C-alpha atoms as a PDB file:
ATOM      1  CA  MET A   1     156.682 126.729  63.457  1.00  0.00           C
ATOM      2  CA  TRP A   2     156.764 124.255  60.659  1.00  0.00           C
ATOM      3  CA  LYS A   3     154.756 121.126  61.195  1.00  0.00           C
ATOM      4  CA  LYS A   4     156.428 117.905  60.280  1.00  0.00           C
ATOM      5  CA  THR A   5     154.229 115.907  57.974  1.00  0.00           C
ATOM      6  CA  LYS A   6     154.753 112.199  57.656  1.00  0.00           C
ATOM      7  CA  LYS A   7     155.663 111.046  54.212  1.00  0.00           C
ATOM      8  CA  TYR A   8     153.716 108.121  52.894  1.00  0.00           C
ATOM      9  CA  VAL A   9     155.912 105.054  52.713  1.00  0.00           C
ATOM     10  CA  SER A  10     154.895 102.357  50.271  1.00  0.00           C
ATOM     11  CA  LYS A  11     154.620  98.741  51.391  1.00  0.00           C
ATOM     12  CA  ASP A  12     157.679  97.765  49.294  1.00  0.00           C
ATOM     13  CA  ASP A  13     159.777 100.639  50.676  1.00  0.00           C
ATOM     14  CA  ALA A  14     158.718  99.772  54.213  1.00  0.00           C
ATOM     15  CA  LEU A  15     159.664  96.122  53.649  1.00  0.00           C
ATOM     16  CA  LYS A  16     163.128  97.141  52.412  1.00  0.00           C
ATOM     17  CA  LYS A  17     163.625  99.501  55.359  1.00  0.00           C
ATOM     18  CA  LEU A  18     162.589  96.807  57.814  1.00  0.00           C
ATOM     19  CA  GLN A  19     164.865  94.240  56.172  1.00  0.00           C
ATOM     20  CA  ARG A  20     167.806  96.586  56.738  1.00  0.00           C
ATOM     21  CA  TYR A  21     166.552  97.342  60.271  1.00  0.00           C
ATOM     22  CA  CYS A  22     166.416  93.625  61.119  1.00  0.00           C
ATOM     23  CA  ALA A  23     169.692  92.782  59.351  1.00  0.00           C
ATOM     24  CA  TYR A  24     171.551  95.386  61.432  1.00  0.00           C
ATOM     25  CA  GLN A  25     170.724  93.635  64.723  1.00  0.00           C
ATOM     26  CA  GLU A  26     168.258  91.077  66.038  1.00  0.00           C
ATOM     27  CA  ARG A  27     164.814  92.564  66.652  1.00  0.00           C
ATOM     28  CA  CYS A  28     161.716  91.315  68.416  1.00  0.00           C
ATOM     29  CA  HIS A  29     158.232  91.451  66.892  1.00  0.00           C
ATOM     30  CA  LYS A  30     157.240  94.342  69.152  1.00  0.00           C
ATOM     31  CA  GLU A  31     160.157  96.528  67.932  1.00  0.00           C
ATOM     32  CA  VAL A  32     159.340  95.758  64.292  1.00  0.00           C
ATOM     33  CA  ARG A  33     155.633  96.466  64.817  1.00  0.00           C
ATOM     34  CA  ASN A  34     156.461  99.834  66.458  1.00  0.00           C
ATOM     35  CA  LYS A  35     158.835 100.734  63.612  1.00  0.00           C
ATOM     36  CA  LEU A  36     156.141  99.974  61.031  1.00  0.00           C
ATOM     37  CA  LEU A  37     153.609 102.080  62.932  1.00  0.00           C
ATOM     38  CA  ASP A  38     156.155 104.949  63.002  1.00  0.00           C
ATOM     39  CA  LEU A  39     156.446 104.629  59.217  1.00  0.00           C
ATOM     40  CA  GLY A  40     152.674 104.902  58.893  1.00  0.00           C
ATOM     41  CA  ILE A  41     152.041 101.280  57.952  1.00  0.00           C
ATOM     42  CA  TYR A  42     148.879  99.804  59.468  1.00  0.00           C
ATOM     43  CA  GLY A  43     146.474  96.900  59.196  1.00  0.00           C
ATOM     44  CA  ASP A  44     146.969  94.128  56.667  1.00  0.00           C
ATOM     45  CA  ASP A  45     150.065  95.772  55.160  1.00  0.00           C
ATOM     46  CA  LEU A  46     151.732  95.748  58.581  1.00  0.00           C
ATOM     47  CA  GLU A  47     150.860  92.091  59.167  1.00  0.00           C
ATOM     48  CA  ASN A  48     151.963  91.090  55.648  1.00  0.00           C
ATOM     49  CA  ILE A  49     155.343  92.797  56.087  1.00  0.00           C
ATOM     50  CA  ILE A  50     155.887  90.994  59.407  1.00  0.00           C
ATOM     51  CA  VAL A  51     154.987  87.677  57.746  1.00  0.00           C
ATOM     52  CA  ASP A  52     157.440  88.427  54.904  1.00  0.00           C
ATOM     53  CA  LEU A  53     160.197  89.244  57.395  1.00  0.00           C
ATOM     54  CA  ILE A  54     159.584  85.994  59.279  1.00  0.00           C
ATOM     55  CA  THR A  55     159.419  83.974  56.043  1.00  0.00           C
ATOM     56  CA  ASP A  56     162.706  85.461  54.793  1.00  0.00           C
ATOM     57  CA  ASP A  57     164.274  84.833  58.248  1.00  0.00           C
ATOM     58  CA  PHE A  58     164.907  88.493  59.006  1.00  0.00           C
ATOM     59  CA  LEU A  59     162.719  88.153  62.085  1.00  0.00           C
ATOM     60  CA  ASN A  60     163.033  85.208  64.443  1.00  0.00           C
ATOM     61  CA  GLU A  61     161.766  85.530  68.013  1.00  0.00           C
ATOM     62  CA  GLU A  62     163.716  82.537  69.380  1.00  0.00           C
ATOM     63  CA  ARG A  63     166.983  83.777  67.864  1.00  0.00           C
ATOM     64  CA  PHE A  64     166.294  87.262  69.267  1.00  0.00           C
ATOM     65  CA  ALA A  65     165.652  85.860  72.757  1.00  0.00           C
ATOM     66  CA  LYS A  66     168.869  83.806  72.715  1.00  0.00           C
ATOM     67  CA  MET A  67     170.975  86.732  71.494  1.00  0.00           C
ATOM     68  CA  TYR A  68     169.373  89.159  73.956  1.00  0.00           C
ATOM     69  CA  ALA A  69     169.793  86.827  76.930  1.00  0.00           C
ATOM     70  CA  GLY A  70     173.381  85.965  76.037  1.00  0.00           C
ATOM     71  CA  GLY A  71     174.367  89.588  75.526  1.00  0.00           C
ATOM     72  CA  LYS A  72     172.782  90.904  78.709  1.00  0.00           C
ATOM     73  CA  PHE A  73     174.291  88.045  80.695  1.00  0.00           C
ATOM     74  CA  ARG A  74     177.832  88.357  79.309  1.00  0.00           C
ATOM     75  CA  ILE A  75     178.074  92.123  78.938  1.00  0.00           C
ATOM     76  CA  LYS A  76     175.771  93.615  81.577  1.00  0.00           C
ATOM     77  CA  LYS A  77     176.107  90.698  84.044  1.00  0.00           C
ATOM     78  CA  TRP A  78     172.341  90.411  84.491  1.00  0.00           C
ATOM     79  CA  GLY A  79     170.789  87.411  86.209  1.00  0.00           C
ATOM     80  CA  ARG A  80     168.083  85.141  84.821  1.00  0.00           C
ATOM     81  CA  VAL A  81     165.260  86.932  86.670  1.00  0.00           C
ATOM     82  CA  ARG A  82     166.086  90.311  85.131  1.00  0.00           C
ATOM     83  CA  ILE A  83     166.591  88.866  81.648  1.00  0.00           C
ATOM     84  CA  THR A  84     163.264  87.010  81.861  1.00  0.00           C
ATOM     85  CA  GLN A  85     161.454  90.193  82.969  1.00  0.00           C
ATOM     86  CA  GLU A  86     162.924  92.171  80.091  1.00  0.00           C
ATOM     87  CA  LEU A  87     161.980  89.496  77.552  1.00  0.00           C
ATOM     88  CA  LYS A  88     158.420  89.408  78.926  1.00  0.00           C
ATOM     89  CA  LEU A  89     158.224  93.201  78.522  1.00  0.00           C
ATOM     90  CA  ARG A  90     159.052  92.642  74.853  1.00  0.00           C
ATOM     91  CA  LYS A  91     156.186  90.117  74.642  1.00  0.00           C
ATOM     92  CA  ILE A  92     158.472  87.163  73.931  1.00  0.00           C
ATOM     93  CA  SER A  93     156.748  83.773  74.255  1.00  0.00           C
ATOM     94  CA  ALA A  94     157.400  81.520  77.258  1.00  0.00           C
ATOM     95  CA  TYR A  95     158.873  78.881  74.918  1.00  0.00           C
ATOM     96  CA  CYS A  96     161.451  81.344  73.522  1.00  0.00           C
ATOM     97  CA  ILE A  97     162.322  82.601  77.006  1.00  0.00           C
ATOM     98  CA  LYS A  98     162.892  79.000  78.144  1.00  0.00           C
ATOM     99  CA  LYS A  99     165.148  78.359  75.126  1.00  0.00           C
ATOM    100  CA  ALA A 100     167.086  81.565  75.841  1.00  0.00           C
ATOM    101  CA  MET A 101     167.644  80.585  79.491  1.00  0.00           C
ATOM    102  CA  GLU A 102     169.011  77.208  78.369  1.00  0.00           C
ATOM    103  CA  GLU A 103     171.833  79.107  76.630  1.00  0.00           C
ATOM    104  CA  ILE A 104     173.218  80.260  79.998  1.00  0.00           C
ATOM    105  CA  GLU A 105     175.421  77.518  81.440  1.00  0.00           C
ATOM    106  CA  GLU A 106     175.109  76.989  85.220  1.00  0.00           C
ATOM    107  CA  GLU A 107     178.894  77.059  85.713  1.00  0.00           C
ATOM    108  CA  ASP A 108     179.192  80.392  83.876  1.00  0.00           C
ATOM    109  CA  TYR A 109     176.204  81.722  85.815  1.00  0.00           C
ATOM    110  CA  ILE A 110     177.825  81.029  89.207  1.00  0.00           C
ATOM    111  CA  LYS A 111     181.162  82.390  87.968  1.00  0.00           C
ATOM    112  CA  THR A 112     179.449  85.609  86.853  1.00  0.00           C
ATOM    113  CA  LEU A 113     177.670  85.884  90.199  1.00  0.00           C
ATOM    114  CA  HIS A 114     181.074  85.705  91.925  1.00  0.00           C
ATOM    115  CA  GLU A 115     182.367  88.429  89.578  1.00  0.00           C
ATOM    116  CA  VAL A 116     179.390  90.597  90.611  1.00  0.00           C
ATOM    117  CA  PHE A 117     180.312  89.968  94.270  1.00  0.00           C
ATOM    118  CA  GLU A 118     183.957  90.932  93.678  1.00  0.00           C
ATOM    119  CA  LYS A 119     183.006  94.122  91.866  1.00  0.00           C
ATOM    120  CA  ARG A 120     180.589  95.095  94.639  1.00  0.00           C
ATOM    121  CA  LEU A 121     183.145  94.396  97.388  1.00  0.00           C
ATOM    122  CA  LYS A 122     185.282  97.263  96.057  1.00  0.00           C
ATOM    123  CA  TYR A 123     182.496  99.738  96.884  1.00  0.00           C
ATOM    124  CA  ILE A 124     181.275  98.644 100.300  1.00  0.00           C
ATOM    125  CA  LYS A 125     182.691  99.244 103.741  1.00  0.00           C
ATOM    126  CA  LYS A 126     183.637  95.970 105.333  1.00  0.00           C
ATOM    127  CA  GLU A 127     182.295  96.837 108.783  1.00  0.00           C
ATOM    128  CA  ASN A 128     181.371  93.290 109.688  1.00  0.00           C
ATOM    129  CA  GLU A 129     180.738  90.005 107.910  1.00  0.00           C
ATOM    130  CA  PHE A 130     176.949  90.116 108.296  1.00  0.00           C
ATOM    131  CA  LYS A 131     176.589  93.616 106.797  1.00  0.00           C
ATOM    132  CA  THR A 132     179.006  92.799 103.987  1.00  0.00           C
ATOM    133  CA  ASN A 133     177.158  89.607 103.075  1.00  0.00           C
ATOM    134  CA  THR A 134     173.768  91.325 103.293  1.00  0.00           C
ATOM    135  CA  ASN A 135     174.963  94.092 101.001  1.00  0.00           C
ATOM    136  CA  LEU A 136     176.397  91.580  98.509  1.00  0.00           C
ATOM    137  CA  GLY A 137     173.217  89.526  98.515  1.00  0.00           C
ATOM    138  CA  LYS A 138     170.867  92.462  98.046  1.00  0.00           C
ATOM    139  CA  TYR A 139     173.024  93.840  95.237  1.00  0.00           C
ATOM    140  CA  ALA A 140     173.156  90.529  93.350  1.00  0.00           C
ATOM    141  CA  ILE A 141     169.388  90.085  93.711  1.00  0.00           C
ATOM    142  CA  SER A 142     168.885  93.609  92.347  1.00  0.00           C
ATOM    143  CA  ARG A 143     170.949  92.540  89.305  1.00  0.00           C
ATOM    144  CA  GLY A 144     168.432  89.794  88.615  1.00  0.00           C
ATOM    145  CA  PHE A 145     170.029  86.746  90.207  1.00  0.00           C
ATOM    146  CA  GLU A 146     167.746  84.274  91.996  1.00  0.00           C
ATOM    147  CA  SER A 147     167.724  84.835  95.755  1.00  0.00           C
ATOM    148  CA  ALA A 148     168.189  81.136  96.620  1.00  0.00           C
ATOM    149  CA  ILE A 149     171.367  80.931  94.528  1.00  0.00           C
ATOM    150  CA  VAL A 150     172.631  84.296  95.790  1.00  0.00           C
ATOM    151  CA  TRP A 151     172.262  83.441  99.486  1.00  0.00           C
ATOM    152  CA  ARG A 152     173.764  79.967  98.964  1.00  0.00           C
ATOM    153  CA  GLU A 153     176.828  81.514  97.315  1.00  0.00           C
ATOM    154  CA  VAL A 154     177.080  84.304  99.912  1.00  0.00           C
ATOM    155  CA  LYS A 155     177.186  81.683 102.690  1.00  0.00           C
ATOM    156  CA  GLN A 156     179.942  79.776 100.880  1.00  0.00           C
ATOM    157  CA  ARG A 157     182.128  82.883 100.512  1.00  0.00           C
ATOM    158  CA  PRO A 158     185.363  82.741 102.460  1.00  0.00           C
ATOM    159  CA  LYS A 159     185.325  84.883 105.586  1.00  0.00           C
ATOM    160  CA  THR A 160     187.072  88.223 105.227  1.00  0.00           C
ATOM    161  CA  THR A 161     189.256  89.636 107.949  1.00  0.00           C
ATOM    162  CA  THR A 162     188.778  93.311 108.753  1.00  0.00           C
END
């Protein structure tokens, strides 16, 4: 078997690669740091490249958090709890997470929660109202919606006739 040897990547080449990497889509600091480590860049060179990327506005944690939160909310229909957890896993600061959550309008949030309910209703047996509502609530909570909001909205749902 042939062993793969890592090629040495110069600091300038790594900076150019990371500029393209960050220009393609928003990245968090953790993703950029991991990419640099994969390229074999360590220590002061790694830190200097990250500083250059931030200075040249290729890397912006607040912008990343807002884009990430907005995308996961609109496309994947995730709730605030799930989005916050995922941002924390990416080591995003509390300030940036707060700013990202401000991007999600309350009216849109409730509307999306109702869409999640409607989608789920297609897949559950409507044996009785209690079981249906319990199933809806548990599902929405598993999608990252706050339990207080979920149960309030479940209670306000119109009664279904079976």
